Amino acid sequence: MRKYKFEEYIKNRPKFTRIRLKLKESQRSFRKYPRKRDEERVLIGLARARWKRWLEEGKIKKLEERRYTVKPE
């Protein structure tokens, strides 16, 4: 573990706090509550439809069972 001098940490703390807060703003926030059952069904259905469409359009190609390749646009 890296060692720090306490005085140096206190002196630079506001600078690091601002950087940390900026990074936190750009990160995606997580859900705090579980999804409702109906909402989850709809989202799963949309994801399956999108996956099927990508297979038909050739954006995703099935190589083997559980192995796919993605063609970048």
N, C-alpha and C. Protein backbone atom coordinates (compact mmCIF):
# COMPACT_ATOMS: atom_id res chain seq x y z
N MET A 1 0.84 -1.17 0.00
CA MET A 1 0.00 0.00 0.00
C MET A 1 0.88 1.24 0.00
N ARG A 2 0.47 2.20 -0.79
CA ARG A 2 1.26 3.42 -0.91
C ARG A 2 1.13 4.28 0.34
N LYS A 3 2.23 4.90 0.76
CA LYS A 3 2.22 5.76 1.94
C LYS A 3 2.08 7.21 1.52
N TYR A 4 1.32 7.98 2.30
CA TYR A 4 1.11 9.39 2.05
C TYR A 4 1.46 10.19 3.29
N LYS A 5 1.90 11.41 3.05
CA LYS A 5 2.12 12.33 4.17
C LYS A 5 0.80 13.04 4.43
N PHE A 6 0.40 13.08 5.68
CA PHE A 6 -0.89 13.62 6.04
C PHE A 6 -1.00 15.09 5.64
N GLU A 7 0.04 15.88 5.84
CA GLU A 7 0.01 17.30 5.51
C GLU A 7 -0.20 17.50 4.00
N GLU A 8 0.46 16.67 3.20
CA GLU A 8 0.32 16.76 1.75
C GLU A 8 -1.10 16.39 1.31
N TYR A 9 -1.65 15.39 1.95
CA TYR A 9 -3.02 14.97 1.64
C TYR A 9 -4.01 16.09 1.95
N ILE A 10 -3.88 16.69 3.13
CA ILE A 10 -4.79 17.77 3.54
C ILE A 10 -4.67 18.96 2.59
N LYS A 11 -3.45 19.26 2.16
CA LYS A 11 -3.23 20.40 1.26
C LYS A 11 -3.90 20.15 -0.10
N ASN A 12 -3.84 18.92 -0.62
CA ASN A 12 -4.36 18.62 -1.95
C ASN A 12 -5.79 18.07 -1.94
N ARG A 13 -6.37 17.90 -0.78
CA ARG A 13 -7.69 17.27 -0.69
C ARG A 13 -8.78 18.01 -1.48
N PRO A 14 -8.89 19.32 -1.43
CA PRO A 14 -9.93 19.98 -2.23
C PRO A 14 -9.79 19.72 -3.73
N LYS A 15 -8.57 19.68 -4.20
CA LYS A 15 -8.31 19.42 -5.62
C LYS A 15 -8.79 18.01 -6.00
N PHE A 16 -8.45 17.03 -5.19
CA PHE A 16 -8.85 15.66 -5.48
C PHE A 16 -10.36 15.46 -5.32
N THR A 17 -10.94 16.18 -4.37
CA THR A 17 -12.39 16.08 -4.19
C THR A 17 -13.12 16.58 -5.43
N ARG A 18 -12.68 17.69 -5.99
CA ARG A 18 -13.30 18.21 -7.22
C ARG A 18 -13.16 17.23 -8.37
N ILE A 19 -12.00 16.63 -8.51
CA ILE A 19 -11.77 15.65 -9.58
C ILE A 19 -12.67 14.44 -9.37
N ARG A 20 -12.74 13.96 -8.14
CA ARG A 20 -13.56 12.79 -7.84
C ARG A 20 -15.05 13.07 -8.11
N LEU A 21 -15.51 14.26 -7.76
CA LEU A 21 -16.91 14.61 -8.01
C LEU A 21 -17.21 14.73 -9.50
N LYS A 22 -16.27 15.27 -10.26
CA LYS A 22 -16.46 15.34 -11.72
C LYS A 22 -16.55 13.95 -12.32
N LEU A 23 -15.70 13.05 -11.87
CA LEU A 23 -15.74 11.68 -12.38
C LEU A 23 -17.03 10.99 -12.00
N LYS A 24 -17.50 11.24 -10.80
CA LYS A 24 -18.73 10.61 -10.34
C LYS A 24 -19.93 11.07 -11.15
N GLU A 25 -19.96 12.35 -11.55
CA GLU A 25 -21.07 12.87 -12.36
C GLU A 25 -21.15 12.18 -13.70
N SER A 26 -20.01 11.81 -14.27
CA SER A 26 -20.01 11.20 -15.59
C SER A 26 -20.35 9.71 -15.56
N GLN A 27 -20.33 9.10 -14.38
CA GLN A 27 -20.62 7.68 -14.26
C GLN A 27 -22.13 7.46 -14.25
N ARG A 28 -22.54 6.32 -14.74
CA ARG A 28 -23.95 5.97 -14.77
C ARG A 28 -24.41 5.59 -13.36
N SER A 29 -25.55 6.11 -12.96
CA SER A 29 -26.05 5.77 -11.64
C SER A 29 -26.80 4.43 -11.71
N PHE A 30 -26.81 3.73 -10.61
CA PHE A 30 -27.46 2.43 -10.54
C PHE A 30 -28.88 2.61 -10.03
N ARG A 31 -29.71 1.64 -10.35
CA ARG A 31 -31.08 1.65 -9.85
C ARG A 31 -31.07 1.38 -8.35
N LYS A 32 -31.91 2.10 -7.65
CA LYS A 32 -31.99 1.90 -6.20
C LYS A 32 -33.06 0.88 -5.84
N TYR A 33 -34.03 0.70 -6.72
CA TYR A 33 -35.13 -0.22 -6.45
C TYR A 33 -35.24 -1.23 -7.59
N PRO A 34 -35.70 -2.43 -7.31
CA PRO A 34 -35.87 -3.41 -8.38
C PRO A 34 -36.96 -2.96 -9.35
N ARG A 35 -36.83 -3.40 -10.59
CA ARG A 35 -37.83 -3.06 -11.60
C ARG A 35 -39.14 -3.77 -11.31
N LYS A 36 -40.23 -3.18 -11.78
CA LYS A 36 -41.53 -3.83 -11.68
C LYS A 36 -41.56 -4.99 -12.66
N ARG A 37 -42.35 -5.98 -12.37
CA ARG A 37 -42.39 -7.20 -13.18
C ARG A 37 -42.79 -6.89 -14.63
N ASP A 38 -43.78 -6.03 -14.82
CA ASP A 38 -44.22 -5.67 -16.18
C ASP A 38 -43.13 -4.94 -16.94
N GLU A 39 -42.46 -4.02 -16.26
CA GLU A 39 -41.39 -3.26 -16.88
C GLU A 39 -40.25 -4.19 -17.31
N GLU A 40 -39.92 -5.14 -16.47
CA GLU A 40 -38.84 -6.08 -16.77
C GLU A 40 -39.20 -6.93 -17.99
N ARG A 41 -40.46 -7.39 -18.06
CA ARG A 41 -40.90 -8.19 -19.22
C ARG A 41 -40.79 -7.40 -20.52
N VAL A 42 -41.21 -6.15 -20.47
CA VAL A 42 -41.15 -5.30 -21.67
C VAL A 42 -39.70 -5.11 -22.11
N LEU A 43 -38.81 -4.83 -21.17
CA LEU A 43 -37.40 -4.60 -21.51
C LEU A 43 -36.74 -5.86 -22.07
N ILE A 44 -37.08 -7.02 -21.50
CA ILE A 44 -36.53 -8.28 -22.01
C ILE A 44 -37.03 -8.54 -23.43
N GLY A 45 -38.31 -8.27 -23.65
CA GLY A 45 -38.88 -8.44 -24.99
C GLY A 45 -38.22 -7.53 -26.01
N LEU A 46 -37.97 -6.28 -25.62
CA LEU A 46 -37.29 -5.34 -26.52
C LEU A 46 -35.85 -5.79 -26.82
N ALA A 47 -35.16 -6.28 -25.81
CA ALA A 47 -33.79 -6.75 -26.00
C ALA A 47 -33.76 -7.96 -26.94
N ARG A 48 -34.70 -8.88 -26.77
CA ARG A 48 -34.75 -10.05 -27.65
C ARG A 48 -35.06 -9.65 -29.09
N ALA A 49 -35.99 -8.71 -29.27
CA ALA A 49 -36.33 -8.24 -30.61
C ALA A 49 -35.13 -7.57 -31.27
N ARG A 50 -34.40 -6.77 -30.50
CA ARG A 50 -33.21 -6.10 -31.04
C ARG A 50 -32.15 -7.12 -31.43
N TRP A 51 -31.94 -8.14 -30.60
CA TRP A 51 -30.96 -9.19 -30.88
C TRP A 51 -31.33 -9.94 -32.17
N LYS A 52 -32.62 -10.28 -32.30
CA LYS A 52 -33.10 -10.99 -33.47
C LYS A 52 -32.92 -10.15 -34.73
N ARG A 53 -33.23 -8.85 -34.62
CA ARG A 53 -33.07 -7.93 -35.76
C ARG A 53 -31.59 -7.84 -36.17
N TRP A 54 -30.70 -7.76 -35.20
CA TRP A 54 -29.28 -7.69 -35.51
C TRP A 54 -28.80 -8.96 -36.20
N LEU A 55 -29.30 -10.11 -35.78
CA LEU A 55 -28.93 -11.36 -36.45
C LEU A 55 -29.41 -11.35 -37.90
N GLU A 56 -30.63 -10.88 -38.14
CA GLU A 56 -31.17 -10.83 -39.49
C GLU A 56 -30.44 -9.82 -40.37
N GLU A 57 -30.03 -8.70 -39.79
CA GLU A 57 -29.32 -7.67 -40.55
C GLU A 57 -27.85 -8.01 -40.76
N GLY A 58 -27.34 -8.99 -40.04
CA GLY A 58 -25.94 -9.38 -40.18
C GLY A 58 -24.98 -8.60 -39.30
N LYS A 59 -25.50 -7.82 -38.38
CA LYS A 59 -24.62 -7.08 -37.46
C LYS A 59 -23.96 -8.02 -36.46
N ILE A 60 -24.65 -9.12 -36.17
CA ILE A 60 -24.13 -10.16 -35.28
C ILE A 60 -24.18 -11.47 -36.05
N LYS A 61 -23.12 -12.24 -35.93
CA LYS A 61 -23.05 -13.53 -36.61
C LYS A 61 -22.79 -14.62 -35.57
N LYS A 62 -23.58 -15.68 -35.65
CA LYS A 62 -23.42 -16.78 -34.70
C LYS A 62 -22.30 -17.70 -35.19
N LEU A 63 -21.29 -17.91 -34.36
CA LEU A 63 -20.16 -18.77 -34.72
C LEU A 63 -20.40 -20.20 -34.24
N GLU A 64 -20.74 -20.33 -32.98
CA GLU A 64 -21.00 -21.62 -32.34
C GLU A 64 -22.09 -21.40 -31.31
N GLU A 65 -22.39 -22.45 -30.59
CA GLU A 65 -23.31 -22.29 -29.47
C GLU A 65 -22.67 -21.35 -28.46
N ARG A 66 -23.36 -20.26 -28.13
CA ARG A 66 -22.89 -19.26 -27.18
C ARG A 66 -21.69 -18.46 -27.66
N ARG A 67 -21.39 -18.47 -28.93
CA ARG A 67 -20.27 -17.67 -29.46
C ARG A 67 -20.75 -16.87 -30.64
N TYR A 68 -20.55 -15.56 -30.56
CA TYR A 68 -21.00 -14.66 -31.60
C TYR A 68 -19.87 -13.70 -31.95
N THR A 69 -19.98 -13.09 -33.12
CA THR A 69 -19.05 -12.04 -33.50
C THR A 69 -19.88 -10.82 -33.88
N VAL A 70 -19.35 -9.65 -33.58
CA VAL A 70 -20.04 -8.40 -33.85
C VAL A 70 -19.30 -7.69 -34.97
N LYS A 71 -20.04 -7.28 -35.99
CA LYS A 71 -19.43 -6.52 -37.08
C LYS A 71 -19.64 -5.04 -36.79
N PRO A 72 -18.56 -4.30 -36.63
CA PRO A 72 -18.72 -2.86 -36.34
C PRO A 72 -19.32 -2.13 -37.54
N GLU A 73 -20.03 -1.06 -37.24
CA GLU A 73 -20.69 -0.30 -38.31
C GLU A 73 -19.71 0.55 -39.05
